[in-house]
Amino acid sequence: MRIPLPRMLRSWRKKQFEQEKTSFVSRTALKAWAALARRPWLYRLAVAAPIAVLAVLGREKGRFRWLPLGGGWTSHRDMPAPEGGTFISRWHKERQP
C-alpha cells in the first residue's frame, strides 16, 4: 500500500497556515526558513555562525548541559559541542588534495 504521506502532510500544513491555526512564532519561523531556503548563501551563513559560536563556547568541556532552545533535549542528556564548521564545509576541505 502506498500512502502519499509527504503530500498529505504538506496539504495539512498548508490548511493550518491558511486558517492561521498555527502560532505566531511557528508562522514567523517558517517564513524565516523559507526566506533562507531561497538564498543559499544566507542559509550557509545562518548555519555556520551558531556552529562557530557553539564550537568556541563548548571547546573546554566538549558538551553543553543546557542550551536556550534545546531544553527538551538537554533536560535528559548533554549536547555535544560541534567541532567547528558545517558538515559541507568540512567535507569540501577533506576532498581537496
PDB file of N, CA and C in Angstrom:
ATOM      1  N   MET A   1       0.842  -1.165   0.000  1.00  0.00           N
ATOM      2  CA  MET A   1       0.000   0.000   0.000  1.00  0.00           C
ATOM      3  C   MET A   1       0.896   1.240   0.000  1.00  0.00           C
ATOM      4  N   ARG A   2       0.596   2.172  -0.857  1.00  0.00           N
ATOM      5  CA  ARG A   2       1.374   3.407  -0.938  1.00  0.00           C
ATOM      6  C   ARG A   2       0.545   4.561  -0.385  1.00  0.00           C
ATOM      7  N   ILE A   3       0.983   5.069   0.734  1.00  0.00           N
ATOM      8  CA  ILE A   3       0.308   6.211   1.344  1.00  0.00           C
ATOM      9  C   ILE A   3       1.114   7.459   0.982  1.00  0.00           C
ATOM     10  N   PRO A   4       0.474   8.439   0.358  1.00  0.00           N
ATOM     11  CA  PRO A   4       1.199   9.649  -0.056  1.00  0.00           C
ATOM     12  C   PRO A   4       1.446  10.587   1.135  1.00  0.00           C
ATOM     13  N   LEU A   5       2.216  10.115   2.094  1.00  0.00           N
ATOM     14  CA  LEU A   5       2.409  10.845   3.342  1.00  0.00           C
ATOM     15  C   LEU A   5       2.992  12.251   3.156  1.00  0.00           C
ATOM     16  N   PRO A   6       4.055  12.437   2.377  1.00  0.00           N
ATOM     17  CA  PRO A   6       4.583  13.802   2.222  1.00  0.00           C
ATOM     18  C   PRO A   6       3.541  14.775   1.670  1.00  0.00           C
ATOM     19  N   ARG A   7       2.784  14.323   0.670  1.00  0.00           N
ATOM     20  CA  ARG A   7       1.750  15.190   0.089  1.00  0.00           C
ATOM     21  C   ARG A   7       0.669  15.502   1.115  1.00  0.00           C
ATOM     22  N   MET A   8       0.272  14.500   1.892  1.00  0.00           N
ATOM     23  CA  MET A   8      -0.757  14.710   2.911  1.00  0.00           C
ATOM     24  C   MET A   8      -0.280  15.698   3.979  1.00  0.00           C
ATOM     25  N   LEU A   9       0.950  15.543   4.420  1.00  0.00           N
ATOM     26  CA  LEU A   9       1.481  16.442   5.442  1.00  0.00           C
ATOM     27  C   LEU A   9       1.573  17.876   4.928  1.00  0.00           C
ATOM     28  N   ARG A  10       2.022  18.033   3.677  1.00  0.00           N
ATOM     29  CA  ARG A  10       2.084  19.382   3.102  1.00  0.00           C
ATOM     30  C   ARG A  10       0.698  19.987   2.997  1.00  0.00           C
ATOM     31  N   SER A  11      -0.279  19.190   2.614  1.00  0.00           N
ATOM     32  CA  SER A  11      -1.652  19.675   2.492  1.00  0.00           C
ATOM     33  C   SER A  11      -2.199  20.122   3.843  1.00  0.00           C
ATOM     34  N   TRP A  12      -2.003  19.309   4.870  1.00  0.00           N
ATOM     35  CA  TRP A  12      -2.485  19.674   6.209  1.00  0.00           C
ATOM     36  C   TRP A  12      -1.777  20.918   6.722  1.00  0.00           C
ATOM     37  N   ARG A  13      -0.482  20.994   6.475  1.00  0.00           N
ATOM     38  CA  ARG A  13       0.287  22.159   6.925  1.00  0.00           C
ATOM     39  C   ARG A  13      -0.197  23.418   6.218  1.00  0.00           C
ATOM     40  N   LYS A  14      -0.484  23.304   4.927  1.00  0.00           N
ATOM     41  CA  LYS A  14      -0.972  24.452   4.164  1.00  0.00           C
ATOM     42  C   LYS A  14      -2.320  24.918   4.706  1.00  0.00           C
ATOM     43  N   LYS A  15      -3.216  23.972   5.010  1.00  0.00           N
ATOM     44  CA  LYS A  15      -4.527  24.338   5.567  1.00  0.00           C
ATOM     45  C   LYS A  15      -4.377  25.037   6.911  1.00  0.00           C
ATOM     46  N   GLN A  16      -3.507  24.519   7.756  1.00  0.00           N
ATOM     47  CA  GLN A  16      -3.265  25.154   9.055  1.00  0.00           C
ATOM     48  C   GLN A  16      -2.744  26.571   8.876  1.00  0.00           C
ATOM     49  N   PHE A  17      -1.814  26.725   7.964  1.00  0.00           N
ATOM     50  CA  PHE A  17      -1.197  28.028   7.736  1.00  0.00           C
ATOM     51  C   PHE A  17      -2.226  29.020   7.209  1.00  0.00           C
ATOM     52  N   GLU A  18      -3.065  28.581   6.246  1.00  0.00           N
ATOM     53  CA  GLU A  18      -4.075  29.464   5.665  1.00  0.00           C
ATOM     54  C   GLU A  18      -5.134  29.863   6.684  1.00  0.00           C
ATOM     55  N   GLN A  19      -5.494  28.959   7.569  1.00  0.00           N
ATOM     56  CA  GLN A  19      -6.524  29.238   8.571  1.00  0.00           C
ATOM     57  C   GLN A  19      -5.933  29.881   9.828  1.00  0.00           C
ATOM     58  N   GLU A  20      -4.646  30.145   9.808  1.00  0.00           N
ATOM     59  CA  GLU A  20      -3.928  30.754  10.926  1.00  0.00           C
ATOM     60  C   GLU A  20      -4.147  29.994  12.232  1.00  0.00           C
ATOM     61  N   LYS A  21      -4.137  28.665  12.132  1.00  0.00           N
ATOM     62  CA  LYS A  21      -4.256  27.826  13.320  1.00  0.00           C
ATOM     63  C   LYS A  21      -2.903  27.596  13.974  1.00  0.00           C
ATOM     64  N   THR A  22      -1.862  28.037  13.313  1.00  0.00           N
ATOM     65  CA  THR A  22      -0.527  27.892  13.879  1.00  0.00           C
ATOM     66  C   THR A  22      -0.193  29.138  14.696  1.00  0.00           C
ATOM     67  N   SER A  23       0.739  29.007  15.593  1.00  0.00           N
ATOM     68  CA  SER A  23       1.122  30.135  16.439  1.00  0.00           C
ATOM     69  C   SER A  23       1.903  31.172  15.627  1.00  0.00           C
ATOM     70  N   PHE A  24       1.948  32.364  16.157  1.00  0.00           N
ATOM     71  CA  PHE A  24       2.704  33.437  15.519  1.00  0.00           C
ATOM     72  C   PHE A  24       4.175  33.044  15.390  1.00  0.00           C
ATOM     73  N   VAL A  25       4.719  32.460  16.436  1.00  0.00           N
ATOM     74  CA  VAL A  25       6.129  32.047  16.421  1.00  0.00           C
ATOM     75  C   VAL A  25       6.365  31.005  15.332  1.00  0.00           C
ATOM     76  N   SER A  26       5.455  30.047  15.220  1.00  0.00           N
ATOM     77  CA  SER A  26       5.589  28.999  14.212  1.00  0.00           C
ATOM     78  C   SER A  26       5.525  29.586  12.803  1.00  0.00           C
ATOM     79  N   ARG A  27       4.572  30.478  12.564  1.00  0.00           N
ATOM     80  CA  ARG A  27       4.452  31.105  11.238  1.00  0.00           C
ATOM     81  C   ARG A  27       5.688  31.930  10.906  1.00  0.00           C
ATOM     82  N   THR A  28       6.178  32.681  11.883  1.00  0.00           N
ATOM     83  CA  THR A  28       7.353  33.520  11.662  1.00  0.00           C
ATOM     84  C   THR A  28       8.587  32.669  11.386  1.00  0.00           C
ATOM     85  N   ALA A  29       8.749  31.597  12.145  1.00  0.00           N
ATOM     86  CA  ALA A  29       9.894  30.702  11.935  1.00  0.00           C
ATOM     87  C   ALA A  29       9.838  30.059  10.552  1.00  0.00           C
ATOM     88  N   LEU A  30       8.656  29.652  10.126  1.00  0.00           N
ATOM     89  CA  LEU A  30       8.514  29.036   8.811  1.00  0.00           C
ATOM     90  C   LEU A  30       8.814  30.038   7.697  1.00  0.00           C
ATOM     91  N   LYS A  31       8.359  31.272   7.857  1.00  0.00           N
ATOM     92  CA  LYS A  31       8.652  32.305   6.861  1.00  0.00           C
ATOM     93  C   LYS A  31      10.147  32.606   6.812  1.00  0.00           C
ATOM     94  N   ALA A  32      10.785  32.645   7.976  1.00  0.00           N
ATOM     95  CA  ALA A  32      12.229  32.894   8.023  1.00  0.00           C
ATOM     96  C   ALA A  32      12.988  31.759   7.342  1.00  0.00           C
ATOM     97  N   TRP A  33      12.583  30.512   7.629  1.00  0.00           N
ATOM     98  CA  TRP A  33      13.246  29.378   6.988  1.00  0.00           C
ATOM     99  C   TRP A  33      13.053  29.437   5.471  1.00  0.00           C
ATOM    100  N   ALA A  34      11.843  29.791   5.012  1.00  0.00           N
ATOM    101  CA  ALA A  34      11.578  29.881   3.571  1.00  0.00           C
ATOM    102  C   ALA A  34      12.464  30.949   2.930  1.00  0.00           C
ATOM    103  N   ALA A  35      12.635  32.076   3.613  1.00  0.00           N
ATOM    104  CA  ALA A  35      13.496  33.137   3.086  1.00  0.00           C
ATOM    105  C   ALA A  35      14.941  32.653   2.992  1.00  0.00           C
ATOM    106  N   LEU A  36      15.403  31.925   4.000  1.00  0.00           N
ATOM    107  CA  LEU A  36      16.768  31.383   3.967  1.00  0.00           C
ATOM    108  C   LEU A  36      16.919  30.323   2.881  1.00  0.00           C
ATOM    109  N   ALA A  37      15.901  29.508   2.700  1.00  0.00           N
ATOM    110  CA  ALA A  37      15.965  28.434   1.702  1.00  0.00           C
ATOM    111  C   ALA A  37      16.067  28.995   0.286  1.00  0.00           C
ATOM    112  N   ARG A  38      15.542  30.199   0.069  1.00  0.00           N
ATOM    113  CA  ARG A  38      15.631  30.821  -1.255  1.00  0.00           C
ATOM    114  C   ARG A  38      16.985  31.494  -1.495  1.00  0.00           C
ATOM    115  N   ARG A  39      17.775  31.641  -0.436  1.00  0.00           N
ATOM    116  CA  ARG A  39      19.078  32.298  -0.531  1.00  0.00           C
ATOM    117  C   ARG A  39      20.143  31.392   0.091  1.00  0.00           C
ATOM    118  N   PRO A  40      20.708  30.481  -0.693  1.00  0.00           N
ATOM    119  CA  PRO A  40      21.664  29.512  -0.142  1.00  0.00           C
ATOM    120  C   PRO A  40      22.848  30.146   0.586  1.00  0.00           C
ATOM    121  N   TRP A  41      23.361  31.250   0.098  1.00  0.00           N
ATOM    122  CA  TRP A  41      24.499  31.897   0.751  1.00  0.00           C
ATOM    123  C   TRP A  41      24.114  32.373   2.150  1.00  0.00           C
ATOM    124  N   LEU A  42      22.883  32.883   2.294  1.00  0.00           N
ATOM    125  CA  LEU A  42      22.416  33.353   3.592  1.00  0.00           C
ATOM    126  C   LEU A  42      22.132  32.171   4.521  1.00  0.00           C
ATOM    127  N   TYR A  43      21.625  31.089   3.948  1.00  0.00           N
ATOM    128  CA  TYR A  43      21.380  29.876   4.736  1.00  0.00           C
ATOM    129  C   TYR A  43      22.698  29.339   5.295  1.00  0.00           C
ATOM    130  N   ARG A  44      23.729  29.277   4.446  1.00  0.00           N
ATOM    131  CA  ARG A  44      25.035  28.791   4.899  1.00  0.00           C
ATOM    132  C   ARG A  44      25.585  29.668   6.020  1.00  0.00           C
ATOM    133  N   LEU A  45      25.421  30.981   5.893  1.00  0.00           N
ATOM    134  CA  LEU A  45      25.877  31.904   6.931  1.00  0.00           C
ATOM    135  C   LEU A  45      25.083  31.707   8.221  1.00  0.00           C
ATOM    136  N   ALA A  46      23.766  31.561   8.096  1.00  0.00           N
ATOM    137  CA  ALA A  46      22.910  31.386   9.275  1.00  0.00           C
ATOM    138  C   ALA A  46      23.203  30.079  10.004  1.00  0.00           C
ATOM    139  N   VAL A  47      23.670  29.082   9.298  1.00  0.00           N
ATOM    140  CA  VAL A  47      24.018  27.801   9.925  1.00  0.00           C
ATOM    141  C   VAL A  47      25.440  27.848  10.480  1.00  0.00           C
ATOM    142  N   ALA A  48      26.356  28.456   9.750  1.00  0.00           N
ATOM    143  CA  ALA A  48      27.764  28.466  10.154  1.00  0.00           C
ATOM    144  C   ALA A  48      28.013  29.327  11.387  1.00  0.00           C
ATOM    145  N   ALA A  49      27.324  30.441  11.511  1.00  0.00           N
ATOM    146  CA  ALA A  49      27.569  31.357  12.633  1.00  0.00           C
ATOM    147  C   ALA A  49      27.304  30.698  13.990  1.00  0.00           C
ATOM    148  N   PRO A  50      26.131  30.098  14.215  1.00  0.00           N
ATOM    149  CA  PRO A  50      25.914  29.458  15.521  1.00  0.00           C
ATOM    150  C   PRO A  50      26.850  28.274  15.765  1.00  0.00           C
ATOM    151  N   ILE A  51      27.211  27.556  14.718  1.00  0.00           N
ATOM    152  CA  ILE A  51      28.131  26.429  14.887  1.00  0.00           C
ATOM    153  C   ILE A  51      29.488  26.941  15.367  1.00  0.00           C
ATOM    154  N   ALA A  52      29.956  28.033  14.784  1.00  0.00           N
ATOM    155  CA  ALA A  52      31.240  28.599  15.196  1.00  0.00           C
ATOM    156  C   ALA A  52      31.186  29.065  16.652  1.00  0.00           C
ATOM    157  N   VAL A  53      30.098  29.730  17.026  1.00  0.00           N
ATOM    158  CA  VAL A  53      29.953  30.209  18.407  1.00  0.00           C
ATOM    159  C   VAL A  53      29.900  29.033  19.374  1.00  0.00           C
ATOM    160  N   LEU A  54      29.102  28.018  19.061  1.00  0.00           N
ATOM    161  CA  LEU A  54      28.993  26.851  19.940  1.00  0.00           C
ATOM    162  C   LEU A  54      30.315  26.091  20.037  1.00  0.00           C
ATOM    163  N   ALA A  55      31.064  26.042  18.945  1.00  0.00           N
ATOM    164  CA  ALA A  55      32.361  25.357  18.970  1.00  0.00           C
ATOM    165  C   ALA A  55      33.319  26.061  19.925  1.00  0.00           C
ATOM    166  N   VAL A  56      33.312  27.391  19.914  1.00  0.00           N
ATOM    167  CA  VAL A  56      34.187  28.148  20.814  1.00  0.00           C
ATOM    168  C   VAL A  56      33.719  28.003  22.261  1.00  0.00           C
ATOM    169  N   LEU A  57      32.415  28.167  22.495  1.00  0.00           N
ATOM    170  CA  LEU A  57      31.886  28.094  23.860  1.00  0.00           C
ATOM    171  C   LEU A  57      32.006  26.695  24.465  1.00  0.00           C
ATOM    172  N   GLY A  58      31.931  25.668  23.640  1.00  0.00           N
ATOM    173  CA  GLY A  58      31.981  24.304  24.145  1.00  0.00           C
ATOM    174  C   GLY A  58      33.340  23.654  24.074  1.00  0.00           C
ATOM    175  N   ARG A  59      34.343  24.425  23.684  1.00  0.00           N
ATOM    176  CA  ARG A  59      35.680  23.859  23.483  1.00  0.00           C
ATOM    177  C   ARG A  59      36.242  23.230  24.758  1.00  0.00           C
ATOM    178  N   GLU A  60      36.029  23.873  25.898  1.00  0.00           N
ATOM    179  CA  GLU A  60      36.643  23.402  27.143  1.00  0.00           C
ATOM    180  C   GLU A  60      36.083  22.055  27.594  1.00  0.00           C
ATOM    181  N   LYS A  61      34.765  21.946  27.692  1.00  0.00           N
ATOM    182  CA  LYS A  61      34.156  20.712  28.202  1.00  0.00           C
ATOM    183  C   LYS A  61      33.763  19.734  27.101  1.00  0.00           C
ATOM    184  N   GLY A  62      33.574  20.251  25.888  1.00  0.00           N
ATOM    185  CA  GLY A  62      33.181  19.379  24.787  1.00  0.00           C
ATOM    186  C   GLY A  62      31.702  19.039  24.763  1.00  0.00           C
ATOM    187  N   ARG A  63      30.936  19.677  25.629  1.00  0.00           N
ATOM    188  CA  ARG A  63      29.497  19.401  25.678  1.00  0.00           C
ATOM    189  C   ARG A  63      28.781  20.564  26.351  1.00  0.00           C
ATOM    190  N   PHE A  64      27.456  20.576  26.189  1.00  0.00           N
ATOM    191  CA  PHE A  64      26.604  21.564  26.837  1.00  0.00           C
ATOM    192  C   PHE A  64      25.576  20.833  27.681  1.00  0.00           C
ATOM    193  N   ARG A  65      25.426  21.278  28.912  1.00  0.00           N
ATOM    194  CA  ARG A  65      24.406  20.688  29.783  1.00  0.00           C
ATOM    195  C   ARG A  65      23.057  21.353  29.550  1.00  0.00           C
ATOM    196  N   TRP A  66      23.057  22.573  28.961  1.00  0.00           N
ATOM    197  CA  TRP A  66      21.824  23.316  28.719  1.00  0.00           C
ATOM    198  C   TRP A  66      22.023  24.228  27.524  1.00  0.00           C
ATOM    199  N   LEU A  67      21.003  24.338  26.680  1.00  0.00           N
ATOM    200  CA  LEU A  67      21.003  25.273  25.558  1.00  0.00           C
ATOM    201  C   LEU A  67      19.671  26.014  25.554  1.00  0.00           C
ATOM    202  N   PRO A  68      19.657  27.303  25.186  1.00  0.00           N
ATOM    203  CA  PRO A  68      18.422  28.085  25.246  1.00  0.00           C
ATOM    204  C   PRO A  68      17.240  27.471  24.497  1.00  0.00           C
ATOM    205  N   LEU A  69      17.437  27.010  23.282  1.00  0.00           N
ATOM    206  CA  LEU A  69      16.326  26.439  22.512  1.00  0.00           C
ATOM    207  C   LEU A  69      16.351  24.917  22.505  1.00  0.00           C
ATOM    208  N   GLY A  70      17.223  24.328  23.282  1.00  0.00           N
ATOM    209  CA  GLY A  70      17.351  22.874  23.292  1.00  0.00           C
ATOM    210  C   GLY A  70      16.992  22.255  24.624  1.00  0.00           C
ATOM    211  N   GLY A  71      16.111  22.905  25.377  1.00  0.00           N
ATOM    212  CA  GLY A  71      15.753  22.414  26.702  1.00  0.00           C
ATOM    213  C   GLY A  71      15.160  21.019  26.698  1.00  0.00           C
ATOM    214  N   GLY A  72      14.364  20.711  25.692  1.00  0.00           N
ATOM    215  CA  GLY A  72      13.779  19.375  25.601  1.00  0.00           C
ATOM    216  C   GLY A  72      14.836  18.298  25.446  1.00  0.00           C
ATOM    217  N   TRP A  73      15.902  18.630  24.759  1.00  0.00           N
ATOM    218  CA  TRP A  73      16.990  17.676  24.547  1.00  0.00           C
ATOM    219  C   TRP A  73      17.908  17.644  25.763  1.00  0.00           C
ATOM    220  N   THR A  74      18.336  18.824  26.217  1.00  0.00           N
ATOM    221  CA  THR A  74      19.349  18.877  27.272  1.00  0.00           C
ATOM    222  C   THR A  74      18.794  18.618  28.667  1.00  0.00           C
ATOM    223  N   SER A  75      17.494  18.523  28.819  1.00  0.00           N
ATOM    224  CA  SER A  75      16.959  18.170  30.137  1.00  0.00           C
ATOM    225  C   SER A  75      17.210  16.691  30.441  1.00  0.00           C
ATOM    226  N   HIS A  76      17.492  15.891  29.420  1.00  0.00           N
ATOM    227  CA  HIS A  76      17.709  14.453  29.603  1.00  0.00           C
ATOM    228  C   HIS A  76      19.107  13.984  29.215  1.00  0.00           C
ATOM    229  N   ARG A  77      19.845  14.808  28.498  1.00  0.00           N
ATOM    230  CA  ARG A  77      21.176  14.397  28.040  1.00  0.00           C
ATOM    231  C   ARG A  77      21.994  15.637  27.715  1.00  0.00           C
ATOM    232  N   ASP A  78      23.285  15.457  27.601  1.00  0.00           N
ATOM    233  CA  ASP A  78      24.173  16.550  27.214  1.00  0.00           C
ATOM    234  C   ASP A  78      24.214  16.663  25.696  1.00  0.00           C
ATOM    235  N   MET A  79      24.429  17.870  25.228  1.00  0.00           N
ATOM    236  CA  MET A  79      24.556  18.124  23.794  1.00  0.00           C
ATOM    237  C   MET A  79      26.042  18.259  23.476  1.00  0.00           C
ATOM    238  N   PRO A  80      26.572  17.418  22.582  1.00  0.00           N
ATOM    239  CA  PRO A  80      27.992  17.538  22.241  1.00  0.00           C
ATOM    240  C   PRO A  80      28.273  18.873  21.552  1.00  0.00           C
ATOM    241  N   ALA A  81      29.393  19.463  21.872  1.00  0.00           N
ATOM    242  CA  ALA A  81      29.796  20.711  21.218  1.00  0.00           C
ATOM    243  C   ALA A  81      30.260  20.387  19.804  1.00  0.00           C
ATOM    244  N   PRO A  82      29.889  21.219  18.833  1.00  0.00           N
ATOM    245  CA  PRO A  82      30.366  20.966  17.470  1.00  0.00           C
ATOM    246  C   PRO A  82      31.880  21.165  17.393  1.00  0.00           C
ATOM    247  N   GLU A  83      32.492  20.469  16.483  1.00  0.00           N
ATOM    248  CA  GLU A  83      33.942  20.564  16.328  1.00  0.00           C
ATOM    249  C   GLU A  83      34.342  21.797  15.537  1.00  0.00           C
ATOM    250  N   GLY A  84      33.383  22.477  14.972  1.00  0.00           N
ATOM    251  CA  GLY A  84      33.660  23.677  14.181  1.00  0.00           C
ATOM    252  C   GLY A  84      33.449  23.403  12.711  1.00  0.00           C
ATOM    253  N   GLY A  85      32.784  24.304  12.051  1.00  0.00           N
ATOM    254  CA  GLY A  85      32.499  24.145  10.634  1.00  0.00           C
ATOM    255  C   GLY A  85      31.276  23.284  10.397  1.00  0.00           C
ATOM    256  N   THR A  86      30.608  23.544   9.304  1.00  0.00           N
ATOM    257  CA  THR A  86      29.444  22.747   8.940  1.00  0.00           C
ATOM    258  C   THR A  86      29.904  21.444   8.302  1.00  0.00           C
ATOM    259  N   PHE A  87      29.005  20.518   8.163  1.00  0.00           N
ATOM    260  CA  PHE A  87      29.332  19.247   7.518  1.00  0.00           C
ATOM    261  C   PHE A  87      29.852  19.494   6.105  1.00  0.00           C
ATOM    262  N   ILE A  88      29.160  20.340   5.360  1.00  0.00           N
ATOM    263  CA  ILE A  88      29.544  20.593   3.963  1.00  0.00           C
ATOM    264  C   ILE A  88      30.919  21.254   3.889  1.00  0.00           C
ATOM    265  N   SER A  89      31.185  22.240   4.758  1.00  0.00           N
ATOM    266  CA  SER A  89      32.495  22.907   4.707  1.00  0.00           C
ATOM    267  C   SER A  89      33.619  21.934   5.054  1.00  0.00           C
ATOM    268  N   ARG A  90      33.390  21.081   6.026  1.00  0.00           N
ATOM    269  CA  ARG A  90      34.413  20.092   6.386  1.00  0.00           C
ATOM    270  C   ARG A  90      34.588  19.059   5.277  1.00  0.00           C
ATOM    271  N   TRP A  91      33.497  18.682   4.636  1.00  0.00           N
ATOM    272  CA  TRP A  91      33.549  17.716   3.542  1.00  0.00           C
ATOM    273  C   TRP A  91      34.363  18.285   2.382  1.00  0.00           C
ATOM    274  N   HIS A  92      34.126  19.565   2.054  1.00  0.00           N
ATOM    275  CA  HIS A  92      34.881  20.199   0.968  1.00  0.00           C
ATOM    276  C   HIS A  92      36.376  20.257   1.297  1.00  0.00           C
ATOM    277  N   LYS A  93      36.716  20.561   2.543  1.00  0.00           N
ATOM    278  CA  LYS A  93      38.130  20.618   2.937  1.00  0.00           C
ATOM    279  C   LYS A  93      38.807  19.263   2.792  1.00  0.00           C
ATOM    280  N   GLU A  94      38.121  18.205   3.183  1.00  0.00           N
ATOM    281  CA  GLU A  94      38.707  16.864   3.121  1.00  0.00           C
ATOM    282  C   GLU A  94      38.821  16.346   1.693  1.00  0.00           C
ATOM    283  N   ARG A  95      37.987  16.828   0.795  1.00  0.00           N
ATOM    284  CA  ARG A  95      38.027  16.368  -0.599  1.00  0.00           C
ATOM    285  C   ARG A  95      39.160  17.005  -1.373  1.00  0.00           C
ATOM    286  N   GLN A  96      39.628  18.178  -0.943  1.00  0.00           N
ATOM    287  CA  GLN A  96      40.696  18.861  -1.671  1.00  0.00           C
ATOM    288  C   GLN A  96      42.034  18.188  -1.390  1.00  0.00           C
ATOM    289  N   PRO A  97      42.860  18.048  -2.437  1.00  0.00           N
ATOM    290  CA  PRO A  97      44.168  17.390  -2.258  1.00  0.00           C
ATOM    291  C   PRO A  97      45.143  18.234  -1.465  1.00  0.00           C
TER     292      PRO A  97
END
